[in-house]
Amino acid sequence: MGINVNNQDADTIRVSELLKIVWRSRLHVIISTALVTIASIVILLLLPNVYQARSLLSPTGDNSGGALASLAAQYGGLASLAGLSFGTQSGNQTTVGIELLKSHKFISEFIERHDLLVTLFAAESWDHESGLLSYDDDIYDQQNKLWVREVSPPKRPKPSVEESVRKFKEIFRVRQDGDTGFITVSIEHVSPTIAQHWVELLIHDINNEMKKRDVTQATQSIEYLQSQIEQTSLAEVRAVFYGLIQEQVKKVMLANATDEYFLQTIDPPFVPEDPVRPKRGILIVVIFLISAILSSIAVVFRSFAFSDSADQKI
């Protein structure tokens, strides 16, 4: 027990000695902490604000799957006489759409279709009063319409398709809630109006893309089923084909009747007023605390270093 008490006393003495060292050099700690904090504040003020626009969406689902499944269950045996098989739809329509939205092909075509490359790479800051976007002249020369950024090979002044997709994915997020099934699409940008506009464009384009894919598939199915009708004389099998054609025609009509074919907007994107980063207040407090701690540690180490060197001289 006595050993433990002595150890505790020794630890208490050591801590009190460290605090005394820091207190004697408090002016140095205060000045160092203040300089680092002020420099950090200046740097943080120079950093551009980044805004996030988002939209909450609900997947519409596959409206024709139920009818087709019913026909398959009722006439599957007869349809097999003609060499056809009607199983469940491969994959999940919502999952396919989300993966398509995040795909390299869709994003690259999206950037090219809407001419986003310059704004994606060269946008530097946004002015609240004028609403104008400023560009980095070291990346893109607006006057001569030339890419002037300095990069190392294999990169080129004008970003490649792969680089542009990678850059876009840094500011783009799509997430599906596992409980509700709702989908959130968000974009981050130095301009809140551009962030909001790009979210709108993404929703519009993925709806059009899914609509085009389903209409193309339905049209091909109709053509195939019509050819099969001509090749069979069995009345019941022909009835199955006509029923399937009817469902595919309904699918095409439904697709052409709505703009929000795949994703239905629940909460549309709005122009954000407050930036999502940098979190200046939190960062300043964290930097202040870290700099104060590091300055104190530096003072203690310097004190011990001078003490050791003095002992060696003696």
Protein backbone atom coordinates (compact mmCIF):
# COMPACT_ATOMS: atom_id res chain seq x y z
CA MET A 1 0.00 0.00 0.00
CA GLY A 2 2.86 2.35 0.83
CA ILE A 3 4.36 1.89 -2.61
CA ASN A 4 1.10 2.83 -4.29
CA VAL A 5 0.80 5.96 -2.14
CA ASN A 6 4.32 6.98 -3.02
CA ASN A 7 3.66 6.41 -6.71
CA GLN A 8 0.53 8.52 -6.51
CA ASP A 9 2.44 11.27 -4.74
CA ALA A 10 5.16 11.11 -7.39
CA ASP A 11 2.61 11.33 -10.18
CA THR A 12 0.96 14.29 -8.48
CA ILE A 13 4.32 16.02 -8.15
CA ARG A 14 5.13 15.42 -11.81
CA VAL A 15 1.79 16.82 -12.99
CA SER A 16 2.13 19.88 -10.75
CA GLU A 17 5.66 20.44 -12.09
CA LEU A 18 4.39 20.27 -15.66
CA LEU A 19 1.63 22.75 -14.90
CA LYS A 20 4.18 25.09 -13.29
CA ILE A 21 6.38 24.90 -16.39
CA VAL A 22 3.43 25.73 -18.63
CA TRP A 23 2.34 28.55 -16.32
CA ARG A 24 5.83 30.10 -16.30
CA SER A 25 5.82 30.07 -20.10
CA ARG A 26 2.16 31.05 -20.44
CA LEU A 27 3.01 34.11 -22.51
CA HIS A 28 4.76 31.95 -25.08
CA VAL A 29 1.81 29.52 -25.15
CA ILE A 30 -0.71 32.35 -25.54
CA ILE A 31 1.23 34.04 -28.35
CA SER A 32 1.81 30.78 -30.25
CA THR A 33 -1.82 29.75 -29.91
CA ALA A 34 -3.05 33.18 -30.96
CA LEU A 35 -0.80 33.28 -34.04
CA VAL A 36 -1.87 29.82 -35.20
CA THR A 37 -5.54 30.58 -34.57
CA ILE A 38 -5.38 33.93 -36.41
CA ALA A 39 -3.60 32.34 -39.37
CA SER A 40 -6.22 29.58 -39.45
CA ILE A 41 -9.04 32.13 -39.39
CA VAL A 42 -7.51 33.97 -42.36
CA ILE A 43 -7.13 30.74 -44.32
CA LEU A 44 -10.68 29.62 -43.50
CA LEU A 45 -12.08 32.98 -44.58
CA LEU A 46 -10.31 32.62 -47.92
CA LEU A 47 -11.80 29.18 -48.55
CA PRO A 48 -14.95 29.29 -50.71
CA ASN A 49 -18.28 28.25 -49.30
CA VAL A 50 -19.67 24.95 -50.55
CA TYR A 51 -23.45 24.51 -50.75
CA GLN A 52 -25.50 21.33 -50.95
CA ALA A 53 -28.80 21.00 -52.78
CA ARG A 54 -30.83 17.84 -52.32
CA SER A 55 -34.11 16.29 -53.33
CA LEU A 56 -36.20 13.57 -51.70
CA LEU A 57 -37.70 11.14 -54.21
CA SER A 58 -39.93 8.09 -54.24
CA PRO A 59 -39.39 5.27 -56.76
CA THR A 60 -42.55 4.64 -58.79
CA GLY A 61 -41.81 0.91 -59.13
CA ASP A 62 -42.67 -1.43 -62.00
CA ASN A 63 -46.31 -0.84 -62.84
CA SER A 64 -46.65 -3.67 -65.30
CA GLY A 65 -44.98 -6.43 -63.30
CA GLY A 66 -48.15 -7.50 -61.49
CA ALA A 67 -50.21 -7.97 -64.64
CA LEU A 68 -47.44 -9.85 -66.42
CA ALA A 69 -46.90 -12.11 -63.42
CA SER A 70 -50.63 -12.87 -63.33
CA LEU A 71 -50.64 -13.83 -67.00
CA ALA A 72 -47.55 -15.94 -66.53
CA ALA A 73 -49.15 -17.85 -63.65
CA GLN A 74 -52.37 -18.41 -65.61
CA TYR A 75 -50.98 -19.27 -69.04
CA GLY A 76 -47.37 -20.23 -68.39
CA GLY A 77 -47.92 -23.85 -69.41
CA LEU A 78 -49.63 -22.91 -72.66
CA ALA A 79 -47.05 -20.28 -73.51
CA SER A 80 -44.29 -22.83 -73.09
CA LEU A 81 -45.77 -24.73 -76.02
CA ALA A 82 -44.60 -21.87 -78.21
CA GLY A 83 -41.14 -21.92 -76.67
CA LEU A 84 -41.67 -18.91 -74.35
CA SER A 85 -40.89 -18.64 -70.64
CA PHE A 86 -42.31 -15.95 -68.34
CA GLY A 87 -40.45 -15.83 -65.06
CA THR A 88 -40.06 -13.07 -62.57
CA GLN A 89 -38.45 -9.88 -63.72
CA SER A 90 -34.68 -10.08 -63.42
CA GLY A 91 -33.35 -7.64 -60.86
CA ASN A 92 -35.13 -4.86 -59.06
CA GLN A 93 -36.22 -1.85 -61.09
CA THR A 94 -35.31 0.63 -58.36
CA THR A 95 -31.88 -0.90 -57.79
CA VAL A 96 -31.19 -0.90 -61.52
CA GLY A 97 -32.16 2.76 -61.76
CA ILE A 98 -29.97 3.81 -58.82
CA GLU A 99 -26.96 1.92 -60.18
CA LEU A 100 -27.57 3.46 -63.60
CA LEU A 101 -27.68 6.92 -62.00
CA LYS A 102 -24.25 6.28 -60.42
CA SER A 103 -22.77 4.60 -63.48
CA HIS A 104 -19.77 5.88 -65.44
CA LYS A 105 -21.75 5.90 -68.67
CA PHE A 106 -24.67 7.93 -67.34
CA ILE A 107 -22.50 10.51 -65.56
CA SER A 108 -20.15 11.01 -68.51
CA GLU A 109 -23.07 11.49 -70.88
CA PHE A 110 -24.74 13.81 -68.35
CA ILE A 111 -21.63 16.03 -68.18
CA GLU A 112 -21.29 16.14 -71.96
CA ARG A 113 -25.02 16.63 -72.63
CA HIS A 114 -25.26 19.69 -70.39
CA ASP A 115 -21.73 21.03 -71.02
CA LEU A 116 -20.71 20.97 -67.36
CA LEU A 117 -16.97 20.41 -67.68
CA VAL A 118 -15.80 24.01 -67.19
CA THR A 119 -18.15 24.68 -64.27
CA LEU A 120 -17.22 21.35 -62.69
CA PHE A 121 -13.47 21.94 -62.71
CA ALA A 122 -12.83 25.68 -62.94
CA ALA A 123 -15.57 27.20 -60.75
CA GLU A 124 -13.79 29.04 -57.95
CA SER A 125 -16.32 31.09 -55.97
CA TRP A 126 -19.83 32.53 -56.06
CA ASP A 127 -20.87 36.09 -55.30
CA HIS A 128 -23.98 36.43 -53.13
CA GLU A 129 -24.88 39.93 -54.30
CA SER A 130 -24.51 39.50 -58.06
CA GLY A 131 -25.20 35.77 -58.17
CA LEU A 132 -22.27 35.39 -60.56
CA LEU A 133 -19.79 32.55 -60.62
CA SER A 134 -16.07 33.26 -60.88
CA TYR A 135 -13.62 30.87 -62.52
CA ASP A 136 -10.00 30.02 -61.84
CA ASP A 137 -7.90 31.52 -64.64
CA ASP A 138 -5.12 29.05 -63.91
CA ILE A 139 -7.44 26.22 -64.95
CA TYR A 140 -9.54 27.66 -67.76
CA ASP A 141 -9.07 30.77 -69.91
CA GLN A 142 -12.62 32.03 -70.46
CA GLN A 143 -11.63 34.71 -72.94
CA ASN A 144 -9.94 32.30 -75.33
CA LYS A 145 -11.99 29.25 -74.33
CA LEU A 146 -8.87 27.22 -73.56
CA TRP A 147 -7.88 24.80 -70.81
CA VAL A 148 -4.62 26.11 -69.31
CA ARG A 149 -4.21 24.05 -66.15
CA GLU A 150 -0.78 22.55 -65.51
CA VAL A 151 -0.91 18.80 -64.96
CA SER A 152 1.50 15.92 -65.18
CA PRO A 153 1.11 13.18 -67.82
CA PRO A 154 -0.95 11.15 -68.50
CA LYS A 155 -3.37 13.95 -67.56
CA ARG A 156 -3.97 16.74 -70.06
CA PRO A 157 -5.06 20.37 -69.64
CA LYS A 158 -8.60 19.40 -70.66
CA PRO A 159 -9.93 16.79 -68.23
CA SER A 160 -10.58 13.34 -69.65
CA VAL A 161 -13.89 11.53 -69.40
CA GLU A 162 -12.57 9.34 -66.59
CA GLU A 163 -11.27 12.32 -64.63
CA SER A 164 -14.50 14.26 -65.08
CA VAL A 165 -16.60 11.33 -63.83
CA ARG A 166 -14.32 10.93 -60.81
CA LYS A 167 -14.58 14.66 -60.08
CA PHE A 168 -18.37 14.60 -60.39
CA LYS A 169 -18.67 11.66 -58.01
CA GLU A 170 -16.85 13.72 -55.37
CA ILE A 171 -19.77 16.18 -55.24
CA PHE A 172 -22.63 13.82 -56.10
CA ARG A 173 -24.48 11.54 -53.68
CA VAL A 174 -27.44 9.20 -54.11
CA ARG A 175 -28.73 7.20 -51.15
CA GLN A 176 -31.78 5.02 -50.55
CA ASP A 177 -33.29 4.75 -47.09
CA GLY A 178 -33.49 1.09 -46.12
CA ASP A 179 -36.68 1.58 -44.07
CA THR A 180 -38.79 3.90 -46.24
CA GLY A 181 -37.31 3.18 -49.66
CA PHE A 182 -37.09 6.94 -50.34
CA ILE A 183 -34.13 8.13 -52.41
CA THR A 184 -32.07 11.25 -51.71
CA VAL A 185 -30.08 12.84 -54.53
CA SER A 186 -27.67 15.65 -53.63
CA ILE A 187 -25.03 17.85 -55.26
CA GLU A 188 -22.37 20.04 -53.62
CA HIS A 189 -21.01 23.12 -55.37
CA VAL A 190 -19.61 26.58 -54.65
CA SER A 191 -22.74 27.99 -56.29
CA PRO A 192 -26.05 27.11 -54.57
CA THR A 193 -28.01 27.83 -57.76
CA ILE A 194 -25.86 25.45 -59.80
CA ALA A 195 -26.15 22.75 -57.14
CA GLN A 196 -29.94 23.06 -57.23
CA HIS A 197 -30.05 23.12 -61.03
CA TRP A 198 -27.85 20.04 -61.40
CA VAL A 199 -30.06 18.04 -59.04
CA GLU A 200 -33.07 18.97 -61.19
CA LEU A 201 -31.20 17.91 -64.32
CA LEU A 202 -30.19 14.58 -62.77
CA ILE A 203 -33.79 13.76 -61.82
CA HIS A 204 -35.05 14.75 -65.26
CA ASP A 205 -32.38 12.76 -67.10
CA ILE A 206 -32.67 9.55 -65.07
CA ASN A 207 -36.45 9.59 -65.54
CA ASN A 208 -35.98 10.03 -69.29
CA GLU A 209 -33.32 7.32 -69.43
CA MET A 210 -35.44 4.76 -67.56
CA LYS A 211 -38.46 5.68 -69.67
CA LYS A 212 -36.49 5.25 -72.90
CA ARG A 213 -35.12 1.88 -71.80
CA ASP A 214 -38.56 0.53 -70.85
CA VAL A 215 -40.27 1.87 -73.97
CA THR A 216 -37.57 0.30 -76.15
CA GLN A 217 -37.89 -3.00 -74.33
CA ALA A 218 -41.70 -2.95 -74.52
CA THR A 219 -41.63 -2.10 -78.23
CA GLN A 220 -39.26 -4.96 -78.95
CA SER A 221 -41.46 -7.30 -76.88
CA ILE A 222 -44.54 -6.25 -78.86
CA GLU A 223 -42.78 -6.92 -82.17
CA TYR A 224 -41.60 -10.30 -80.95
CA LEU A 225 -45.02 -11.32 -79.64
CA GLN A 226 -46.68 -10.27 -82.88
CA SER A 227 -44.27 -12.46 -84.82
CA GLN A 228 -45.07 -15.36 -82.50
CA ILE A 229 -48.82 -14.91 -83.07
CA GLU A 230 -48.29 -15.36 -86.78
CA GLN A 231 -46.41 -18.61 -86.18
CA THR A 232 -48.97 -20.38 -83.99
CA SER A 233 -52.51 -21.52 -84.64
CA LEU A 234 -53.38 -22.45 -81.02
CA ALA A 235 -56.15 -20.12 -79.90
CA GLU A 236 -55.25 -20.25 -76.21
CA VAL A 237 -51.58 -19.47 -76.85
CA ARG A 238 -52.57 -16.59 -79.15
CA ALA A 239 -54.75 -15.29 -76.31
CA VAL A 240 -51.71 -15.29 -74.01
CA PHE A 241 -49.71 -13.33 -76.57
CA TYR A 242 -52.48 -10.79 -77.08
CA GLY A 243 -52.71 -10.32 -73.31
CA LEU A 244 -48.97 -9.75 -73.08
CA ILE A 245 -49.08 -7.31 -75.99
CA GLN A 246 -51.85 -5.41 -74.23
CA GLU A 247 -49.73 -5.07 -71.08
CA GLN A 248 -46.73 -3.89 -73.08
CA VAL A 249 -48.86 -1.30 -74.88
CA LYS A 250 -50.12 -0.07 -71.49
CA LYS A 251 -46.52 0.18 -70.35
CA VAL A 252 -45.61 2.36 -73.33
CA MET A 253 -48.67 4.56 -72.82
CA LEU A 254 -47.89 5.00 -69.13
CA ALA A 255 -44.28 5.91 -69.87
CA ASN A 256 -45.30 8.56 -72.41
CA ALA A 257 -47.99 9.98 -70.12
CA THR A 258 -45.72 11.07 -67.26
CA ASP A 259 -42.43 12.94 -66.87
CA GLU A 260 -41.60 11.38 -63.49
CA TYR A 261 -41.61 7.84 -64.80
CA PHE A 262 -38.97 6.34 -62.47
CA LEU A 263 -38.57 8.82 -59.59
CA GLN A 264 -41.42 10.90 -58.23
CA THR A 265 -40.44 14.10 -56.45
CA ILE A 266 -41.54 14.37 -52.83
CA ASP A 267 -39.35 17.30 -51.82
CA PRO A 268 -37.91 19.24 -54.78
CA PRO A 269 -34.41 20.73 -54.59
CA PHE A 270 -34.22 24.33 -53.40
CA VAL A 271 -31.41 26.88 -53.50
CA PRO A 272 -29.60 26.51 -50.15
CA GLU A 273 -28.79 29.62 -48.14
CA ASP A 274 -26.23 28.18 -45.71
CA PRO A 275 -23.05 26.38 -46.77
CA VAL A 276 -22.35 22.82 -45.65
CA ARG A 277 -18.63 23.48 -45.46
CA PRO A 278 -16.26 24.69 -44.31
CA LYS A 279 -17.57 24.59 -40.72
CA ARG A 280 -15.56 27.64 -39.71
CA GLY A 281 -16.78 27.95 -36.12
CA ILE A 282 -16.10 24.32 -35.24
CA LEU A 283 -12.75 24.31 -37.04
CA ILE A 284 -11.55 27.47 -35.25
CA VAL A 285 -12.37 25.98 -31.83
CA VAL A 286 -10.64 22.69 -32.71
CA ILE A 287 -7.57 24.47 -34.10
CA PHE A 288 -7.40 26.70 -31.00
CA LEU A 289 -7.49 23.72 -28.63
CA ILE A 290 -4.96 21.69 -30.63
CA SER A 291 -2.56 24.62 -30.97
CA ALA A 292 -2.82 25.35 -27.22
CA ILE A 293 -2.06 21.72 -26.38
CA LEU A 294 0.84 21.49 -28.82
CA SER A 295 2.31 24.79 -27.59
CA SER A 296 2.14 23.54 -24.01
CA ILE A 297 3.84 20.27 -24.96
CA ALA A 298 6.55 22.19 -26.83
CA VAL A 299 7.18 24.38 -23.78
CA VAL A 300 7.52 21.34 -21.53
CA PHE A 301 9.90 19.55 -23.89
CA ARG A 302 12.01 22.67 -24.29
CA SER A 303 12.21 23.05 -20.50
CA PHE A 304 13.38 19.45 -20.05
CA ALA A 305 15.85 19.81 -22.93
CA PHE A 306 17.44 22.89 -21.33
CA SER A 307 17.48 21.11 -17.98
CA ASP A 308 19.28 18.07 -19.43
CA SER A 309 21.84 20.19 -21.25
CA ALA A 310 22.53 22.18 -18.03
CA ASP A 311 23.05 18.94 -16.08
CA GLN A 312 25.49 17.68 -18.70
CA LYS A 313 27.59 20.85 -18.45
CA ILE A 314 27.79 20.49 -14.68
